[in-house]
Amino acid sequence: MTVVVTAKNELVVPKSVRRKAGIKNGDAVEFKVSGRVISILPKAPAGDDEYTAAERRMIDRGISASEEDYTAGRAFGPFETHADFIASLHKEAAKLRPKRKTKRPAK
């Protein structure tokens, strides 16, 4: 794609090019110049700022729900062997299956 640079406007990266590069609204980018070549690179987030505020709230909600389940006794394990783990899975799956009605023999 080719665009014309004029004195009246700034250089704009077309939406189709941003989409192909995976750049979304709100992403930080870094410009590097080497001679007549301009490189646009995604700015890596700082190590302590790994998640957005919305993502952090979702993670915190999940952790809180998990802690509530553990406190209420809705946790399983630890298991000594994989066989103990499989047996626990089968036991819990049996609780979820519908009960079968038994037919009475005709008199």
N, C-alpha and C. Protein backbone atom coordinates (compact mmCIF):
# COMPACT_ATOMS: atom_id res chain seq x y z
N MET A 1 0.86 -1.17 0.00
CA MET A 1 0.00 0.00 0.00
C MET A 1 0.90 1.23 0.00
N THR A 2 0.53 2.22 -0.77
CA THR A 2 1.31 3.45 -0.88
C THR A 2 0.46 4.63 -0.46
N VAL A 3 1.03 5.51 0.35
CA VAL A 3 0.35 6.75 0.75
C VAL A 3 1.26 7.92 0.42
N VAL A 4 0.66 9.08 0.20
CA VAL A 4 1.42 10.27 -0.13
C VAL A 4 1.54 11.14 1.12
N VAL A 5 2.74 11.53 1.46
CA VAL A 5 2.98 12.40 2.61
C VAL A 5 2.89 13.84 2.12
N THR A 6 2.09 14.65 2.82
CA THR A 6 1.96 16.07 2.47
C THR A 6 2.32 16.91 3.67
N ALA A 7 2.47 18.20 3.47
CA ALA A 7 2.82 19.10 4.56
C ALA A 7 1.65 19.32 5.51
N LYS A 8 0.43 19.10 5.04
CA LYS A 8 -0.76 19.39 5.85
C LYS A 8 -1.10 18.28 6.85
N ASN A 9 -0.70 17.04 6.56
CA ASN A 9 -1.09 15.96 7.46
C ASN A 9 0.11 15.16 7.94
N GLU A 10 -0.11 14.42 9.00
CA GLU A 10 0.93 13.55 9.53
C GLU A 10 0.87 12.23 8.78
N LEU A 11 1.93 11.47 8.90
CA LEU A 11 1.97 10.15 8.29
C LEU A 11 1.03 9.23 9.06
N VAL A 12 0.15 8.55 8.36
CA VAL A 12 -0.84 7.68 8.99
C VAL A 12 -0.61 6.25 8.51
N VAL A 13 -0.60 5.32 9.44
CA VAL A 13 -0.47 3.90 9.07
C VAL A 13 -1.88 3.40 8.78
N PRO A 14 -2.12 2.94 7.57
CA PRO A 14 -3.48 2.48 7.21
C PRO A 14 -3.94 1.33 8.11
N LYS A 15 -5.26 1.27 8.31
CA LYS A 15 -5.86 0.27 9.19
C LYS A 15 -5.51 -1.15 8.74
N SER A 16 -5.52 -1.41 7.43
CA SER A 16 -5.23 -2.76 6.94
C SER A 16 -3.79 -3.17 7.28
N VAL A 17 -2.87 -2.21 7.24
CA VAL A 17 -1.47 -2.50 7.58
C VAL A 17 -1.34 -2.77 9.07
N ARG A 18 -2.01 -1.96 9.90
CA ARG A 18 -1.97 -2.19 11.36
C ARG A 18 -2.55 -3.55 11.69
N ARG A 19 -3.65 -3.91 11.02
CA ARG A 19 -4.29 -5.20 11.29
C ARG A 19 -3.35 -6.34 10.94
N LYS A 20 -2.67 -6.26 9.78
CA LYS A 20 -1.72 -7.31 9.39
C LYS A 20 -0.56 -7.42 10.37
N ALA A 21 -0.15 -6.28 10.93
CA ALA A 21 0.96 -6.27 11.89
C ALA A 21 0.52 -6.65 13.29
N GLY A 22 -0.80 -6.75 13.51
CA GLY A 22 -1.30 -7.11 14.84
C GLY A 22 -1.30 -5.95 15.81
N ILE A 23 -1.28 -4.73 15.31
CA ILE A 23 -1.30 -3.55 16.18
C ILE A 23 -2.74 -3.13 16.38
N LYS A 24 -3.15 -3.03 17.65
CA LYS A 24 -4.53 -2.67 17.99
C LYS A 24 -4.57 -1.32 18.67
N ASN A 25 -5.76 -0.74 18.74
CA ASN A 25 -5.92 0.53 19.45
C ASN A 25 -5.45 0.38 20.89
N GLY A 26 -4.69 1.34 21.36
CA GLY A 26 -4.19 1.30 22.73
C GLY A 26 -2.82 0.67 22.86
N ASP A 27 -2.34 -0.02 21.82
CA ASP A 27 -1.01 -0.62 21.88
C ASP A 27 0.05 0.48 21.82
N ALA A 28 1.12 0.29 22.56
CA ALA A 28 2.24 1.22 22.52
C ALA A 28 3.20 0.75 21.43
N VAL A 29 3.69 1.68 20.63
CA VAL A 29 4.64 1.34 19.58
C VAL A 29 5.88 2.22 19.71
N GLU A 30 6.98 1.72 19.18
CA GLU A 30 8.25 2.44 19.23
C GLU A 30 8.74 2.65 17.80
N PHE A 31 9.21 3.85 17.50
CA PHE A 31 9.73 4.17 16.17
C PHE A 31 11.25 4.16 16.20
N LYS A 32 11.85 3.47 15.23
CA LYS A 32 13.31 3.46 15.09
C LYS A 32 13.65 3.90 13.67
N VAL A 33 14.65 4.73 13.55
CA VAL A 33 15.06 5.24 12.24
C VAL A 33 16.49 4.79 11.97
N SER A 34 16.70 4.23 10.79
CA SER A 34 18.03 3.83 10.36
C SER A 34 18.17 4.29 8.91
N GLY A 35 18.87 5.40 8.73
CA GLY A 35 18.99 5.98 7.39
C GLY A 35 17.62 6.48 6.92
N ARG A 36 17.15 5.94 5.80
CA ARG A 36 15.83 6.33 5.28
C ARG A 36 14.76 5.30 5.60
N VAL A 37 15.06 4.38 6.52
CA VAL A 37 14.11 3.32 6.89
C VAL A 37 13.54 3.61 8.27
N ILE A 38 12.21 3.62 8.37
CA ILE A 38 11.52 3.80 9.65
C ILE A 38 10.93 2.46 10.04
N SER A 39 11.25 1.98 11.23
CA SER A 39 10.69 0.73 11.74
C SER A 39 9.73 1.06 12.87
N ILE A 40 8.57 0.42 12.85
CA ILE A 40 7.59 0.58 13.92
C ILE A 40 7.53 -0.75 14.65
N LEU A 41 7.90 -0.74 15.92
CA LEU A 41 7.96 -1.97 16.71
C LEU A 41 7.00 -1.89 17.89
N PRO A 42 6.36 -3.02 18.24
CA PRO A 42 5.50 -3.00 19.43
C PRO A 42 6.35 -2.78 20.68
N LYS A 43 5.88 -1.95 21.54
CA LYS A 43 6.59 -1.67 22.80
C LYS A 43 6.20 -2.75 23.79
N ALA A 44 7.17 -3.49 24.28
CA ALA A 44 6.89 -4.55 25.24
C ALA A 44 6.47 -3.94 26.57
N PRO A 45 5.43 -4.51 27.21
CA PRO A 45 5.01 -3.98 28.51
C PRO A 45 6.08 -4.22 29.57
N ALA A 46 6.11 -3.36 30.56
CA ALA A 46 7.04 -3.52 31.67
C ALA A 46 6.71 -4.83 32.40
N GLY A 47 7.70 -5.44 33.01
CA GLY A 47 7.50 -6.72 33.69
C GLY A 47 6.45 -6.67 34.78
N ASP A 48 6.34 -5.56 35.51
CA ASP A 48 5.36 -5.47 36.58
C ASP A 48 3.99 -5.07 36.05
N ASP A 49 3.90 -4.70 34.78
CA ASP A 49 2.64 -4.26 34.19
C ASP A 49 2.20 -5.27 33.13
N GLU A 50 2.27 -6.56 33.49
CA GLU A 50 2.03 -7.63 32.54
C GLU A 50 0.59 -7.70 32.09
N TYR A 51 -0.37 -7.35 32.95
CA TYR A 51 -1.79 -7.44 32.64
C TYR A 51 -2.41 -6.05 32.70
N THR A 52 -3.49 -5.88 31.92
CA THR A 52 -4.25 -4.64 32.01
C THR A 52 -5.05 -4.66 33.31
N ALA A 53 -5.63 -3.52 33.66
CA ALA A 53 -6.42 -3.45 34.89
C ALA A 53 -7.62 -4.39 34.80
N ALA A 54 -8.27 -4.46 33.64
CA ALA A 54 -9.44 -5.35 33.47
C ALA A 54 -9.03 -6.81 33.60
N GLU A 55 -7.89 -7.18 33.00
CA GLU A 55 -7.42 -8.56 33.11
C GLU A 55 -7.07 -8.89 34.56
N ARG A 56 -6.44 -7.96 35.26
CA ARG A 56 -6.08 -8.19 36.65
C ARG A 56 -7.33 -8.40 37.51
N ARG A 57 -8.40 -7.62 37.25
CA ARG A 57 -9.66 -7.80 38.02
C ARG A 57 -10.24 -9.19 37.76
N MET A 58 -10.21 -9.65 36.50
CA MET A 58 -10.73 -10.99 36.20
C MET A 58 -9.91 -12.07 36.89
N ILE A 59 -8.61 -11.92 36.89
CA ILE A 59 -7.73 -12.90 37.55
C ILE A 59 -8.00 -12.91 39.06
N ASP A 60 -8.12 -11.72 39.65
CA ASP A 60 -8.38 -11.63 41.09
C ASP A 60 -9.72 -12.25 41.45
N ARG A 61 -10.75 -12.06 40.59
CA ARG A 61 -12.06 -12.68 40.84
C ARG A 61 -11.95 -14.20 40.82
N GLY A 62 -11.18 -14.74 39.85
CA GLY A 62 -11.01 -16.19 39.76
C GLY A 62 -10.28 -16.75 40.97
N ILE A 63 -9.26 -16.05 41.42
CA ILE A 63 -8.51 -16.49 42.60
C ILE A 63 -9.41 -16.45 43.83
N SER A 64 -10.21 -15.40 43.96
CA SER A 64 -11.11 -15.28 45.10
C SER A 64 -12.14 -16.41 45.12
N ALA A 65 -12.70 -16.72 43.95
CA ALA A 65 -13.68 -17.81 43.85
C ALA A 65 -13.02 -19.14 44.21
N SER A 66 -11.79 -19.34 43.77
CA SER A 66 -11.07 -20.57 44.07
C SER A 66 -10.82 -20.70 45.57
N GLU A 67 -10.45 -19.59 46.21
CA GLU A 67 -10.21 -19.62 47.66
C GLU A 67 -11.50 -19.92 48.41
N GLU A 68 -12.63 -19.38 47.94
CA GLU A 68 -13.92 -19.66 48.58
C GLU A 68 -14.26 -21.14 48.46
N ASP A 69 -14.03 -21.74 47.27
CA ASP A 69 -14.29 -23.17 47.08
C ASP A 69 -13.42 -23.99 48.03
N TYR A 70 -12.16 -23.63 48.15
CA TYR A 70 -11.25 -24.38 49.01
C TYR A 70 -11.68 -24.29 50.47
N THR A 71 -12.06 -23.08 50.91
CA THR A 71 -12.51 -22.87 52.29
C THR A 71 -13.78 -23.65 52.58
N ALA A 72 -14.67 -23.75 51.57
CA ALA A 72 -15.94 -24.46 51.75
C ALA A 72 -15.78 -25.97 51.61
N GLY A 73 -14.57 -26.43 51.37
CA GLY A 73 -14.34 -27.87 51.28
C GLY A 73 -14.62 -28.45 49.92
N ARG A 74 -14.75 -27.60 48.90
CA ARG A 74 -15.02 -28.10 47.55
C ARG A 74 -13.70 -28.25 46.78
N ALA A 75 -12.76 -28.95 47.40
CA ALA A 75 -11.46 -29.19 46.78
C ALA A 75 -11.12 -30.66 46.91
N PHE A 76 -10.31 -31.16 46.03
CA PHE A 76 -9.94 -32.57 46.04
C PHE A 76 -8.42 -32.68 46.06
N GLY A 77 -7.93 -33.76 46.68
CA GLY A 77 -6.50 -33.99 46.69
C GLY A 77 -5.85 -33.38 47.91
N PRO A 78 -4.57 -33.46 48.04
CA PRO A 78 -3.64 -34.05 47.08
C PRO A 78 -3.76 -35.57 47.05
N PHE A 79 -3.38 -36.16 45.96
CA PHE A 79 -3.49 -37.60 45.77
C PHE A 79 -2.11 -38.23 45.85
N GLU A 80 -2.06 -39.42 46.41
CA GLU A 80 -0.79 -40.14 46.55
C GLU A 80 -0.34 -40.70 45.21
N THR A 81 -1.29 -41.20 44.41
CA THR A 81 -0.94 -41.80 43.12
C THR A 81 -1.94 -41.33 42.07
N HIS A 82 -1.60 -41.60 40.83
CA HIS A 82 -2.53 -41.25 39.76
C HIS A 82 -3.79 -42.11 39.84
N ALA A 83 -3.66 -43.33 40.35
CA ALA A 83 -4.82 -44.21 40.50
C ALA A 83 -5.82 -43.60 41.49
N ASP A 84 -5.34 -43.00 42.57
CA ASP A 84 -6.22 -42.32 43.53
C ASP A 84 -6.94 -41.15 42.86
N PHE A 85 -6.21 -40.42 42.01
CA PHE A 85 -6.80 -39.30 41.29
C PHE A 85 -7.90 -39.77 40.36
N ILE A 86 -7.64 -40.82 39.59
CA ILE A 86 -8.63 -41.37 38.65
C ILE A 86 -9.85 -41.88 39.41
N ALA A 87 -9.64 -42.54 40.54
CA ALA A 87 -10.76 -43.05 41.34
C ALA A 87 -11.62 -41.89 41.83
N SER A 88 -11.01 -40.79 42.22
CA SER A 88 -11.75 -39.62 42.66
C SER A 88 -12.57 -39.03 41.52
N LEU A 89 -11.98 -38.98 40.32
CA LEU A 89 -12.72 -38.48 39.16
C LEU A 89 -13.95 -39.34 38.87
N HIS A 90 -13.77 -40.67 38.91
CA HIS A 90 -14.90 -41.57 38.65
C HIS A 90 -15.99 -41.41 39.70
N LYS A 91 -15.60 -41.24 40.94
CA LYS A 91 -16.56 -41.06 42.03
C LYS A 91 -17.39 -39.79 41.82
N GLU A 92 -16.73 -38.69 41.46
CA GLU A 92 -17.45 -37.43 41.23
C GLU A 92 -18.30 -37.49 39.98
N ALA A 93 -17.83 -38.19 38.93
CA ALA A 93 -18.61 -38.32 37.70
C ALA A 93 -19.87 -39.14 37.95
N ALA A 94 -19.77 -40.14 38.83
CA ALA A 94 -20.94 -40.97 39.14
C ALA A 94 -22.03 -40.13 39.81
N LYS A 95 -21.65 -39.13 40.57
CA LYS A 95 -22.63 -38.25 41.22
C LYS A 95 -23.40 -37.41 40.20
N LEU A 96 -22.80 -37.17 39.06
CA LEU A 96 -23.42 -36.31 38.05
C LEU A 96 -24.32 -37.08 37.09
N ARG A 97 -24.15 -38.39 37.01
CA ARG A 97 -24.98 -39.21 36.11
C ARG A 97 -26.40 -39.30 36.63
N PRO A 98 -27.39 -39.28 35.71
CA PRO A 98 -28.79 -39.44 36.16
C PRO A 98 -29.03 -40.86 36.66
N LYS A 99 -29.87 -40.98 37.63
CA LYS A 99 -30.22 -42.30 38.19
C LYS A 99 -31.11 -43.03 37.19
N ARG A 100 -30.83 -44.31 36.99
CA ARG A 100 -31.63 -45.12 36.07
C ARG A 100 -32.82 -45.71 36.82
N LYS A 101 -33.94 -45.67 36.15
CA LYS A 101 -35.12 -46.30 36.75
C LYS A 101 -35.09 -47.79 36.44
N THR A 102 -35.32 -48.61 37.46
CA THR A 102 -35.29 -50.05 37.25
C THR A 102 -36.71 -50.53 36.93
N LYS A 103 -36.79 -51.47 36.02
CA LYS A 103 -38.09 -52.01 35.65
C LYS A 103 -38.45 -53.13 36.64
N ARG A 104 -39.70 -53.14 37.01
CA ARG A 104 -40.18 -54.21 37.90
C ARG A 104 -40.64 -55.39 37.06
N PRO A 105 -40.33 -56.59 37.53
CA PRO A 105 -40.77 -57.78 36.77
C PRO A 105 -42.29 -57.90 36.80
N ALA A 106 -42.85 -58.37 35.69
CA ALA A 106 -44.30 -58.55 35.60
C ALA A 106 -44.75 -59.71 36.50
N LYS A 107 -45.95 -59.60 37.06
CA LYS A 107 -46.46 -60.68 37.93
C LYS A 107 -47.37 -61.59 37.19
